[in-house]
Amino acid sequence: MTVQEAERTRIAREIHDVFGQVLTSLKYDIAWLAGRGTGTTEIHEKLGKMDEIIDSTIKTVRKISSDLRPGALDDLGLTAAIEWQVKDFQDRTGIRCDFVNRIGDAALEKEDASVTLFRALQEALTNVMRHAGASSVKVVLEEVEENRVLEIWDDGIGITEDQIHSRQSLGLKGIRERVAQVGGLVQIQSWQPTGTLVRVQVPSN
């Protein structure tokens, strides 16, 4: 998993740097052509559409790069990365998502623990989007007895014991495997009166 994260980081940077530079160069070329003031109206319309396509592609490249390895996680730390992920999830899905930060800007000493919590959050939010039928999500980050704890609550349809332990639940299996690698614990349960709780605990140091 450490090797995977390192490779994700490398690929994310390559995508951002190489494709970003090429697309930006194309934008300048189109702007140069459009500024020449020559050609038919049809040509200028075509240039305008090409510029729009490039803008859309740049956004897609940035999204892919961020999904592979969010810059906020490396540059600003875990809490900032969680804030970014929560906002992105809410913007993309329309599902209300609130983040309660009870540790401030305190950093984890181990990078792999931060990555583990962040990837667990991503997977849990993906499950909410695909399966929960939820209208709201609450994400809580706190410190409990020298452990960093991340809780993801949703108000959806809940989860059964069979689903929790199913071999087909690859996302949940992935969370457990990641957390076990850093000596942490995972709790997944249906919550009353409705919804699901995913609780991930990793050592703070």
C-alpha atoms as a PDB file:
ATOM      1  CA  MET A   1       0.000   0.000   0.000  1.00  0.00           C
ATOM      2  CA  THR A   2       2.929   2.324   0.676  1.00  0.00           C
ATOM      3  CA  VAL A   3       4.274   1.564  -2.795  1.00  0.00           C
ATOM      4  CA  GLN A   4       0.809   2.177  -4.274  1.00  0.00           C
ATOM      5  CA  GLU A   5       0.567   5.582  -2.605  1.00  0.00           C
ATOM      6  CA  ALA A   6       4.031   6.544  -3.835  1.00  0.00           C
ATOM      7  CA  GLU A   7       3.043   5.523  -7.358  1.00  0.00           C
ATOM      8  CA  ARG A   8      -0.242   7.432  -7.105  1.00  0.00           C
ATOM      9  CA  THR A   9       1.711  10.529  -6.106  1.00  0.00           C
ATOM     10  CA  ARG A  10       4.123  10.153  -9.018  1.00  0.00           C
ATOM     11  CA  ILE A  11       1.340   9.594 -11.565  1.00  0.00           C
ATOM     12  CA  ALA A  12      -0.709  12.493 -10.177  1.00  0.00           C
ATOM     13  CA  ARG A  13       2.242  14.849 -10.586  1.00  0.00           C
ATOM     14  CA  GLU A  14       2.988  13.582 -14.090  1.00  0.00           C
ATOM     15  CA  ILE A  15      -0.634  14.053 -15.150  1.00  0.00           C
ATOM     16  CA  HIS A  16      -0.819  17.520 -13.612  1.00  0.00           C
ATOM     17  CA  ASP A  17       2.507  18.747 -14.962  1.00  0.00           C
ATOM     18  CA  VAL A  18       2.645  17.182 -18.431  1.00  0.00           C
ATOM     19  CA  PHE A  19      -0.994  17.365 -19.509  1.00  0.00           C
ATOM     20  CA  GLY A  20      -1.499  20.680 -17.740  1.00  0.00           C
ATOM     21  CA  GLN A  21       1.400  22.281 -19.603  1.00  0.00           C
ATOM     22  CA  VAL A  22       0.300  20.913 -22.981  1.00  0.00           C
ATOM     23  CA  LEU A  23      -3.306  22.037 -22.571  1.00  0.00           C
ATOM     24  CA  THR A  24      -2.239  25.471 -21.356  1.00  0.00           C
ATOM     25  CA  SER A  25       0.007  25.848 -24.420  1.00  0.00           C
ATOM     26  CA  LEU A  26      -2.906  24.943 -26.679  1.00  0.00           C
ATOM     27  CA  LYS A  27      -5.046  27.603 -24.995  1.00  0.00           C
ATOM     28  CA  TYR A  28      -2.403  30.224 -25.749  1.00  0.00           C
ATOM     29  CA  ASP A  29      -2.213  29.075 -29.379  1.00  0.00           C
ATOM     30  CA  ILE A  30      -5.979  29.321 -29.776  1.00  0.00           C
ATOM     31  CA  ALA A  31      -6.000  32.762 -28.164  1.00  0.00           C
ATOM     32  CA  TRP A  32      -3.232  33.840 -30.565  1.00  0.00           C
ATOM     33  CA  LEU A  33      -5.180  32.599 -33.594  1.00  0.00           C
ATOM     34  CA  ALA A  34      -8.406  34.206 -32.424  1.00  0.00           C
ATOM     35  CA  GLY A  35      -6.574  37.484 -31.825  1.00  0.00           C
ATOM     36  CA  ARG A  36      -5.301  37.660 -35.403  1.00  0.00           C
ATOM     37  CA  GLY A  37      -8.724  38.857 -36.479  1.00  0.00           C
ATOM     38  CA  THR A  38      -8.616  36.891 -39.721  1.00  0.00           C
ATOM     39  CA  GLY A  39     -10.790  34.068 -40.962  1.00  0.00           C
ATOM     40  CA  THR A  40     -14.491  33.509 -41.240  1.00  0.00           C
ATOM     41  CA  THR A  41     -17.075  33.667 -38.484  1.00  0.00           C
ATOM     42  CA  GLU A  42     -17.260  29.887 -38.675  1.00  0.00           C
ATOM     43  CA  ILE A  43     -13.539  29.599 -37.924  1.00  0.00           C
ATOM     44  CA  HIS A  44     -13.800  31.898 -34.911  1.00  0.00           C
ATOM     45  CA  GLU A  45     -16.746  29.909 -33.590  1.00  0.00           C
ATOM     46  CA  LYS A  46     -14.734  26.741 -34.028  1.00  0.00           C
ATOM     47  CA  LEU A  47     -11.813  28.249 -32.117  1.00  0.00           C
ATOM     48  CA  GLY A  48     -14.192  29.254 -29.327  1.00  0.00           C
ATOM     49  CA  LYS A  49     -15.533  25.705 -29.056  1.00  0.00           C
ATOM     50  CA  MET A  50     -11.990  24.311 -29.026  1.00  0.00           C
ATOM     51  CA  ASP A  51     -11.124  26.669 -26.177  1.00  0.00           C
ATOM     52  CA  GLU A  52     -14.158  25.456 -24.200  1.00  0.00           C
ATOM     53  CA  ILE A  53     -13.160  21.825 -24.758  1.00  0.00           C
ATOM     54  CA  ILE A  54      -9.638  22.543 -23.515  1.00  0.00           C
ATOM     55  CA  ASP A  55     -11.010  24.275 -20.396  1.00  0.00           C
ATOM     56  CA  SER A  56     -13.198  21.249 -19.694  1.00  0.00           C
ATOM     57  CA  THR A  57     -10.270  18.886 -20.224  1.00  0.00           C
ATOM     58  CA  ILE A  58      -8.075  20.904 -17.851  1.00  0.00           C
ATOM     59  CA  LYS A  59     -10.729  20.560 -15.146  1.00  0.00           C
ATOM     60  CA  THR A  60     -10.893  16.808 -15.778  1.00  0.00           C
ATOM     61  CA  VAL A  61      -7.109  16.475 -15.573  1.00  0.00           C
ATOM     62  CA  ARG A  62      -7.089  18.352 -12.264  1.00  0.00           C
ATOM     63  CA  LYS A  63      -9.895  16.131 -10.937  1.00  0.00           C
ATOM     64  CA  ILE A  64      -8.073  12.926 -11.906  1.00  0.00           C
ATOM     65  CA  SER A  65      -4.854  14.218 -10.380  1.00  0.00           C
ATOM     66  CA  SER A  66      -6.613  15.190  -7.144  1.00  0.00           C
ATOM     67  CA  ASP A  67      -8.389  11.835  -6.913  1.00  0.00           C
ATOM     68  CA  LEU A  68      -5.073  10.024  -7.266  1.00  0.00           C
ATOM     69  CA  ARG A  69      -3.344  12.139  -4.639  1.00  0.00           C
ATOM     70  CA  PRO A  70      -4.955  15.319  -3.270  1.00  0.00           C
ATOM     71  CA  GLY A  71      -2.410  18.111  -3.060  1.00  0.00           C
ATOM     72  CA  ALA A  72      -3.980  19.296   0.187  1.00  0.00           C
ATOM     73  CA  LEU A  73      -2.948  16.052   1.896  1.00  0.00           C
ATOM     74  CA  ASP A  74       0.732  16.647   1.130  1.00  0.00           C
ATOM     75  CA  ASP A  75       0.782  20.439   1.295  1.00  0.00           C
ATOM     76  CA  LEU A  76      -1.647  21.286   4.113  1.00  0.00           C
ATOM     77  CA  GLY A  77      -2.180  18.067   6.065  1.00  0.00           C
ATOM     78  CA  LEU A  78      -5.000  15.711   6.980  1.00  0.00           C
ATOM     79  CA  THR A  79      -7.634  18.137   8.281  1.00  0.00           C
ATOM     80  CA  ALA A  80      -7.390  20.392   5.227  1.00  0.00           C
ATOM     81  CA  ALA A  81      -7.589  17.360   2.941  1.00  0.00           C
ATOM     82  CA  ILE A  82     -10.713  16.139   4.755  1.00  0.00           C
ATOM     83  CA  GLU A  83     -12.305  19.592   4.445  1.00  0.00           C
ATOM     84  CA  TRP A  84     -11.563  19.553   0.705  1.00  0.00           C
ATOM     85  CA  GLN A  85     -12.944  16.012   0.271  1.00  0.00           C
ATOM     86  CA  VAL A  86     -16.122  16.799   2.213  1.00  0.00           C
ATOM     87  CA  LYS A  87     -16.803  19.914   0.130  1.00  0.00           C
ATOM     88  CA  ASP A  88     -16.050  18.086  -3.118  1.00  0.00           C
ATOM     89  CA  PHE A  89     -18.409  15.248  -2.155  1.00  0.00           C
ATOM     90  CA  GLN A  90     -21.200  17.688  -1.327  1.00  0.00           C
ATOM     91  CA  ASP A  91     -20.703  19.652  -4.552  1.00  0.00           C
ATOM     92  CA  ARG A  92     -20.687  16.509  -6.705  1.00  0.00           C
ATOM     93  CA  THR A  93     -23.571  14.631  -5.114  1.00  0.00           C
ATOM     94  CA  GLY A  94     -25.829  17.288  -3.612  1.00  0.00           C
ATOM     95  CA  ILE A  95     -25.770  15.302  -0.341  1.00  0.00           C
ATOM     96  CA  ARG A  96     -25.183  17.574   2.628  1.00  0.00           C
ATOM     97  CA  CYS A  97     -21.846  16.746   4.246  1.00  0.00           C
ATOM     98  CA  ASP A  98     -20.616  18.399   7.462  1.00  0.00           C
ATOM     99  CA  PHE A  99     -17.135  18.130   8.943  1.00  0.00           C
ATOM    100  CA  VAL A 100     -16.561  18.436  12.701  1.00  0.00           C
ATOM    101  CA  ASN A 101     -12.877  18.905  13.497  1.00  0.00           C
ATOM    102  CA  ARG A 102     -12.107  18.320  17.180  1.00  0.00           C
ATOM    103  CA  ILE A 103      -8.323  18.231  16.899  1.00  0.00           C
ATOM    104  CA  GLY A 104      -7.631  21.585  15.216  1.00  0.00           C
ATOM    105  CA  ASP A 105      -4.555  21.491  12.986  1.00  0.00           C
ATOM    106  CA  ALA A 106      -2.724  18.853  15.005  1.00  0.00           C
ATOM    107  CA  ALA A 107      -0.736  16.684  12.619  1.00  0.00           C
ATOM    108  CA  LEU A 108      -0.174  12.943  12.692  1.00  0.00           C
ATOM    109  CA  GLU A 109       3.472  11.963  13.054  1.00  0.00           C
ATOM    110  CA  LYS A 110       3.078   9.041  10.662  1.00  0.00           C
ATOM    111  CA  GLU A 111       2.260   9.912   7.057  1.00  0.00           C
ATOM    112  CA  ASP A 112       0.850   6.437   6.368  1.00  0.00           C
ATOM    113  CA  ALA A 113      -1.688   6.921   9.181  1.00  0.00           C
ATOM    114  CA  SER A 114      -2.895  10.181   7.610  1.00  0.00           C
ATOM    115  CA  VAL A 115      -3.171   8.518   4.213  1.00  0.00           C
ATOM    116  CA  THR A 116      -5.058   5.594   5.778  1.00  0.00           C
ATOM    117  CA  LEU A 117      -7.661   7.875   7.362  1.00  0.00           C
ATOM    118  CA  PHE A 118      -8.065   9.887   4.173  1.00  0.00           C
ATOM    119  CA  ARG A 119      -8.483   6.827   1.939  1.00  0.00           C
ATOM    120  CA  ALA A 120     -10.982   5.365   4.416  1.00  0.00           C
ATOM    121  CA  LEU A 121     -12.979   8.590   4.174  1.00  0.00           C
ATOM    122  CA  GLN A 122     -12.942   8.462   0.374  1.00  0.00           C
ATOM    123  CA  GLU A 123     -14.148   4.859   0.329  1.00  0.00           C
ATOM    124  CA  ALA A 124     -16.842   5.480   2.948  1.00  0.00           C
ATOM    125  CA  LEU A 125     -18.186   8.497   1.028  1.00  0.00           C
ATOM    126  CA  THR A 126     -18.169   6.472  -2.200  1.00  0.00           C
ATOM    127  CA  ASN A 127     -20.289   3.825  -0.474  1.00  0.00           C
ATOM    128  CA  VAL A 128     -22.686   6.507   0.766  1.00  0.00           C
ATOM    129  CA  MET A 129     -23.047   7.858  -2.760  1.00  0.00           C
ATOM    130  CA  ARG A 130     -23.611   4.430  -4.336  1.00  0.00           C
ATOM    131  CA  HIS A 131     -25.614   2.514  -1.760  1.00  0.00           C
ATOM    132  CA  ALA A 132     -26.875   4.501   1.229  1.00  0.00           C
ATOM    133  CA  GLY A 133     -29.666   6.619  -0.241  1.00  0.00           C
ATOM    134  CA  ALA A 134     -28.659   9.244   2.322  1.00  0.00           C
ATOM    135  CA  SER A 135     -29.623  12.922   2.440  1.00  0.00           C
ATOM    136  CA  SER A 136     -26.849  13.957   4.826  1.00  0.00           C
ATOM    137  CA  VAL A 137     -23.457  12.846   6.123  1.00  0.00           C
ATOM    138  CA  LYS A 138     -21.465  13.896   9.170  1.00  0.00           C
ATOM    139  CA  VAL A 139     -17.699  13.444   9.364  1.00  0.00           C
ATOM    140  CA  VAL A 140     -16.006  13.747  12.767  1.00  0.00           C
ATOM    141  CA  LEU A 141     -12.253  13.781  13.440  1.00  0.00           C
ATOM    142  CA  GLU A 142     -11.130  13.550  17.065  1.00  0.00           C
ATOM    143  CA  GLU A 143      -8.464  12.299  19.456  1.00  0.00           C
ATOM    144  CA  VAL A 144      -9.361   9.420  21.797  1.00  0.00           C
ATOM    145  CA  GLU A 145      -6.748   7.967  24.179  1.00  0.00           C
ATOM    146  CA  GLU A 146      -3.743   8.603  21.913  1.00  0.00           C
ATOM    147  CA  ASN A 147      -5.642   7.441  18.844  1.00  0.00           C
ATOM    148  CA  ARG A 148      -6.864   9.508  15.929  1.00  0.00           C
ATOM    149  CA  VAL A 149     -10.481   8.589  15.234  1.00  0.00           C
ATOM    150  CA  LEU A 150     -12.475   9.332  12.090  1.00  0.00           C
ATOM    151  CA  GLU A 151     -16.230   8.723  12.069  1.00  0.00           C
ATOM    152  CA  ILE A 152     -18.471   8.885   9.011  1.00  0.00           C
ATOM    153  CA  TRP A 153     -22.198   8.895   9.794  1.00  0.00           C
ATOM    154  CA  ASP A 154     -24.971   8.862   7.205  1.00  0.00           C
ATOM    155  CA  ASP A 155     -28.768   8.906   7.490  1.00  0.00           C
ATOM    156  CA  GLY A 156     -29.377   6.380   4.729  1.00  0.00           C
ATOM    157  CA  ILE A 157     -30.953   2.944   4.633  1.00  0.00           C
ATOM    158  CA  GLY A 158     -28.350   1.322   6.869  1.00  0.00           C
ATOM    159  CA  ILE A 159     -26.235  -1.790   6.346  1.00  0.00           C
ATOM    160  CA  THR A 160     -26.867  -5.445   7.214  1.00  0.00           C
ATOM    161  CA  GLU A 161     -24.455  -7.808   8.957  1.00  0.00           C
ATOM    162  CA  ASP A 162     -24.264  -9.854   5.756  1.00  0.00           C
ATOM    163  CA  GLN A 163     -23.212  -6.774   3.805  1.00  0.00           C
ATOM    164  CA  ILE A 164     -20.639  -5.806   6.426  1.00  0.00           C
ATOM    165  CA  HIS A 165     -18.917  -9.199   6.233  1.00  0.00           C
ATOM    166  CA  SER A 166     -19.561 -10.002   2.555  1.00  0.00           C
ATOM    167  CA  ARG A 167     -16.547 -10.902   0.436  1.00  0.00           C
ATOM    168  CA  GLN A 168     -18.145  -8.830  -2.319  1.00  0.00           C
ATOM    169  CA  SER A 169     -17.801  -5.655  -0.214  1.00  0.00           C
ATOM    170  CA  LEU A 170     -14.374  -4.866  -1.639  1.00  0.00           C
ATOM    171  CA  GLY A 171     -14.447  -1.248  -0.468  1.00  0.00           C
ATOM    172  CA  LEU A 172     -15.002  -2.236   3.160  1.00  0.00           C
ATOM    173  CA  LYS A 173     -12.389  -4.957   2.847  1.00  0.00           C
ATOM    174  CA  GLY A 174      -9.937  -2.393   1.507  1.00  0.00           C
ATOM    175  CA  ILE A 175     -10.579  -0.102   4.474  1.00  0.00           C
ATOM    176  CA  ARG A 176      -9.931  -2.947   6.934  1.00  0.00           C
ATOM    177  CA  GLU A 177      -6.714  -3.978   5.194  1.00  0.00           C
ATOM    178  CA  ARG A 178      -5.346  -0.428   5.119  1.00  0.00           C
ATOM    179  CA  VAL A 179      -6.189   0.222   8.752  1.00  0.00           C
ATOM    180  CA  ALA A 180      -4.710  -3.105   9.887  1.00  0.00           C
ATOM    181  CA  GLN A 181      -1.423  -2.155   8.198  1.00  0.00           C
ATOM    182  CA  VAL A 182      -0.993   0.794  10.596  1.00  0.00           C
ATOM    183  CA  GLY A 183      -2.203  -1.070  13.698  1.00  0.00           C
ATOM    184  CA  GLY A 184      -5.669   0.476  13.749  1.00  0.00           C
ATOM    185  CA  LEU A 185      -9.239  -0.702  14.177  1.00  0.00           C
ATOM    186  CA  VAL A 186     -12.397  -0.444  12.055  1.00  0.00           C
ATOM    187  CA  GLN A 187     -15.999  -0.511  13.239  1.00  0.00           C
ATOM    188  CA  ILE A 188     -18.896  -0.634  10.772  1.00  0.00           C
ATOM    189  CA  GLN A 189     -22.485  -0.840  11.932  1.00  0.00           C
ATOM    190  CA  SER A 190     -26.044   0.097  11.114  1.00  0.00           C
ATOM    191  CA  TRP A 191     -27.176   3.033  13.212  1.00  0.00           C
ATOM    192  CA  GLN A 192     -30.557   3.650  14.799  1.00  0.00           C
ATOM    193  CA  PRO A 193     -33.072   4.825  13.808  1.00  0.00           C
ATOM    194  CA  THR A 194     -31.463   4.811  10.358  1.00  0.00           C
ATOM    195  CA  GLY A 195     -28.115   5.038   8.628  1.00  0.00           C
ATOM    196  CA  THR A 196     -24.593   3.651   8.872  1.00  0.00           C
ATOM    197  CA  LEU A 197     -21.541   4.448  10.994  1.00  0.00           C
ATOM    198  CA  VAL A 198     -17.990   3.806   9.813  1.00  0.00           C
ATOM    199  CA  ARG A 199     -15.450   4.390  12.594  1.00  0.00           C
ATOM    200  CA  VAL A 200     -11.730   4.211  11.863  1.00  0.00           C
ATOM    201  CA  GLN A 201      -9.124   4.433  14.636  1.00  0.00           C
ATOM    202  CA  VAL A 202      -5.349   4.677  14.104  1.00  0.00           C
ATOM    203  CA  PRO A 203      -2.507   5.331  16.583  1.00  0.00           C
ATOM    204  CA  SER A 204      -1.568   9.006  16.802  1.00  0.00           C
ATOM    205  CA  ASN A 205       2.161   8.298  17.023  1.00  0.00           C
END
